[in-house]
C-alpha atoms as a PDB file:
ATOM      1  CA  MET A   1     -16.678 -14.108  10.065  1.00  0.00           C
ATOM      2  CA  THR A   2     -18.452 -10.833   9.736  1.00  0.00           C
ATOM      3  CA  TYR A   3     -20.116  -8.842  12.391  1.00  0.00           C
ATOM      4  CA  GLY A   4     -23.006  -6.719  11.246  1.00  0.00           C
ATOM      5  CA  GLY A   5     -21.913  -6.793   7.798  1.00  0.00           C
ATOM      6  CA  ARG A   6     -18.162  -5.994   8.794  1.00  0.00           C
ATOM      7  CA  LEU A   7     -15.308  -8.445   8.638  1.00  0.00           C
ATOM      8  CA  SER A   8     -13.830  -9.379  11.797  1.00  0.00           C
ATOM      9  CA  ILE A   9     -10.510  -7.950  12.413  1.00  0.00           C
ATOM     10  CA  GLU A  10      -8.624 -11.405  11.999  1.00  0.00           C
ATOM     11  CA  ASP A  11     -10.260 -12.014   8.653  1.00  0.00           C
ATOM     12  CA  ARG A  12      -9.494  -8.424   7.516  1.00  0.00           C
ATOM     13  CA  VAL A  13      -5.758  -8.948   8.569  1.00  0.00           C
ATOM     14  CA  MET A  14      -5.486 -12.164   6.646  1.00  0.00           C
ATOM     15  CA  ILE A  15      -7.142 -10.650   3.517  1.00  0.00           C
ATOM     16  CA  PHE A  16      -4.841  -7.534   3.691  1.00  0.00           C
ATOM     17  CA  ALA A  17      -1.748  -9.967   3.995  1.00  0.00           C
ATOM     18  CA  ARG A  18      -2.775 -12.282   1.189  1.00  0.00           C
ATOM     19  CA  HIS A  19      -3.542  -9.241  -1.104  1.00  0.00           C
ATOM     20  CA  ILE A  20       0.061  -7.727  -0.287  1.00  0.00           C
ATOM     21  CA  MET A  21       1.602 -11.126  -0.912  1.00  0.00           C
ATOM     22  CA  GLU A  22      -0.116 -11.603  -4.286  1.00  0.00           C
ATOM     23  CA  ASN A  23       0.406  -8.210  -5.593  1.00  0.00           C
ATOM     24  CA  LYS A  24       3.556  -7.196  -4.030  1.00  0.00           C
ATOM     25  CA  THR A  25       2.085  -3.819  -3.477  1.00  0.00           C
ATOM     26  CA  THR A  26       2.191  -1.151  -0.914  1.00  0.00           C
ATOM     27  CA  VAL A  27       0.259  -0.291   2.436  1.00  0.00           C
ATOM     28  CA  ARG A  28      -1.064   2.843   0.483  1.00  0.00           C
ATOM     29  CA  ALA A  29      -2.403   0.732  -2.398  1.00  0.00           C
ATOM     30  CA  VAL A  30      -3.969  -2.041   0.112  1.00  0.00           C
ATOM     31  CA  ALA A  31      -5.587   0.809   1.966  1.00  0.00           C
ATOM     32  CA  LYS A  32      -7.163   2.463  -1.243  1.00  0.00           C
ATOM     33  CA  HIS A  33      -8.022  -0.904  -2.666  1.00  0.00           C
ATOM     34  CA  PHE A  34     -10.178  -2.100   0.267  1.00  0.00           C
ATOM     35  CA  GLY A  35     -11.335   1.572   1.477  1.00  0.00           C
ATOM     36  CA  TYR A  36      -9.376   1.528   4.799  1.00  0.00           C
ATOM     37  CA  SER A  37      -7.097   4.011   6.270  1.00  0.00           C
ATOM     38  CA  LYS A  38      -3.201   3.566   5.871  1.00  0.00           C
ATOM     39  CA  SER A  39      -2.979   3.563   9.699  1.00  0.00           C
ATOM     40  CA  THR A  40      -5.273   0.609   9.940  1.00  0.00           C
ATOM     41  CA  VAL A  41      -3.714  -1.230   7.131  1.00  0.00           C
ATOM     42  CA  HIS A  42      -0.088  -0.762   8.491  1.00  0.00           C
ATOM     43  CA  LYS A  43      -1.218  -1.893  12.234  1.00  0.00           C
ATOM     44  CA  ASP A  44      -3.088  -4.874  10.825  1.00  0.00           C
ATOM     45  CA  LEU A  45       0.012  -6.050   8.559  1.00  0.00           C
ATOM     46  CA  THR A  46       2.585  -5.457  11.700  1.00  0.00           C
ATOM     47  CA  ALA A  47       1.160  -5.806  15.092  1.00  0.00           C
ATOM     48  CA  ARG A  48      -2.150  -7.933  14.400  1.00  0.00           C
ATOM     49  CA  LEU A  49      -0.673 -10.276  11.694  1.00  0.00           C
ATOM     50  CA  PHE A  50       2.366 -10.965  14.102  1.00  0.00           C
ATOM     51  CA  GLU A  51      -0.105 -12.136  16.551  1.00  0.00           C
ATOM     52  CA  THR A  52      -2.165 -14.040  14.059  1.00  0.00           C
ATOM     53  CA  ASP A  53       0.373 -15.752  11.659  1.00  0.00           C
ATOM     54  CA  LYS A  54       3.958 -15.262  12.472  1.00  0.00           C
ATOM     55  CA  ALA A  55       4.975 -17.008   9.263  1.00  0.00           C
ATOM     56  CA  LEU A  56       2.947 -14.953   6.967  1.00  0.00           C
ATOM     57  CA  TYR A  57       4.038 -11.854   9.046  1.00  0.00           C
ATOM     58  CA  GLU A  58       7.742 -12.447   8.228  1.00  0.00           C
ATOM     59  CA  GLN A  59       6.990 -12.743   4.380  1.00  0.00           C
ATOM     60  CA  VAL A  60       4.754  -9.669   4.547  1.00  0.00           C
ATOM     61  CA  ALA A  61       7.519  -7.789   6.605  1.00  0.00           C
ATOM     62  CA  LYS A  62      10.033  -8.605   3.713  1.00  0.00           C
ATOM     63  CA  ILE A  63       7.762  -6.801   1.289  1.00  0.00           C
ATOM     64  CA  LEU A  64       7.158  -3.870   3.558  1.00  0.00           C
ATOM     65  CA  GLU A  65      11.011  -3.348   4.131  1.00  0.00           C
ATOM     66  CA  ASN A  66      11.503  -3.582   0.400  1.00  0.00           C
ATOM     67  CA  ASN A  67       8.939  -0.813  -0.114  1.00  0.00           C
ATOM     68  CA  LYS A  68      10.426   1.208   2.647  1.00  0.00           C
ATOM     69  CA  GLN A  69      14.079   1.049   0.956  1.00  0.00           C
ATOM     70  CA  THR A  70      12.610   1.825  -2.331  1.00  0.00           C
ATOM     71  CA  ARG A  71      10.125   4.664  -1.585  1.00  0.00           C
ATOM     72  CA  HIS A  72      12.688   7.225  -2.193  1.00  0.00           C
ATOM     73  CA  ILE A  73      12.673   6.061  -5.782  1.00  0.00           C
ATOM     74  CA  ARG A  74       9.030   5.943  -6.355  1.00  0.00           C
ATOM     75  CA  GLY A  75       8.864   9.427  -4.806  1.00  0.00           C
ATOM     76  CA  GLY A  76      11.609  10.782  -7.094  1.00  0.00           C
ATOM     77  CA  ASN A  77       9.864   9.243 -10.269  1.00  0.00           C
ATOM     78  CA  ALA A  78       6.587  10.791  -9.122  1.00  0.00           C
ATOM     79  CA  THR A  79       8.166  14.106  -8.963  1.00  0.00           C
ATOM     80  CA  LYS A  80       9.973  13.697 -12.252  1.00  0.00           C
ATOM     81  CA  PHE A  81       6.622  12.718 -13.962  1.00  0.00           C
ATOM     82  CA  LYS A  82       4.615  15.590 -12.390  1.00  0.00           C
ATOM     83  CA  TYR A  83       7.057  18.181 -13.629  1.00  0.00           C
ATOM     84  CA  ALA A  84       7.414  16.772 -17.099  1.00  0.00           C
ATOM     85  CA  GLU A  85       3.505  16.866 -17.304  1.00  0.00           C
ATOM     86  CA  LEU A  86       3.677  20.590 -16.082  1.00  0.00           C
ATOM     87  CA  LYS A  87       6.252  21.170 -18.805  1.00  0.00           C
ATOM     88  CA  LYS A  88       4.149  19.430 -21.720  1.00  0.00           C
ATOM     89  CA  ASN A  89       1.147  21.491 -20.531  1.00  0.00           C
ATOM     90  CA  ASP A  90       2.963  24.713 -20.470  1.00  0.00           C
ATOM     91  CA  ASP A  91       4.610  24.071 -23.844  1.00  0.00           C
ATOM     92  CA  LYS A  92       1.067  23.339 -25.243  1.00  0.00           C
ATOM     93  CA  HIS A  93      -0.184  26.857 -24.037  1.00  0.00           C
ATOM     94  CA  LYS A  94       2.746  28.494 -25.579  1.00  0.00           C
ATOM     95  CA  LEU A  95       1.896  27.056 -28.957  1.00  0.00           C
ATOM     96  CA  ARG A  96      -1.601  28.723 -29.247  1.00  0.00           C
END
């Protein structure tokens, strides 16, 4: 249900939960996709989803826990990519 063109909190919670289940994505990606803050998405997927649908909450919680356990790997890969790009750009400038 919408209120003044906005989704109700319950609808928003279910949409976020379905999105994270279907795409196995992160809170940050959900926030960016729907245009909400990470804080809002996180609260919706933890506290509010628990109150709304406990079974779905448990499934989403597994994905969030997996994301938490692997975030250091994603961060390391992002840093590796960043410095590889910097080196590649630096090498291009040296060739000129």
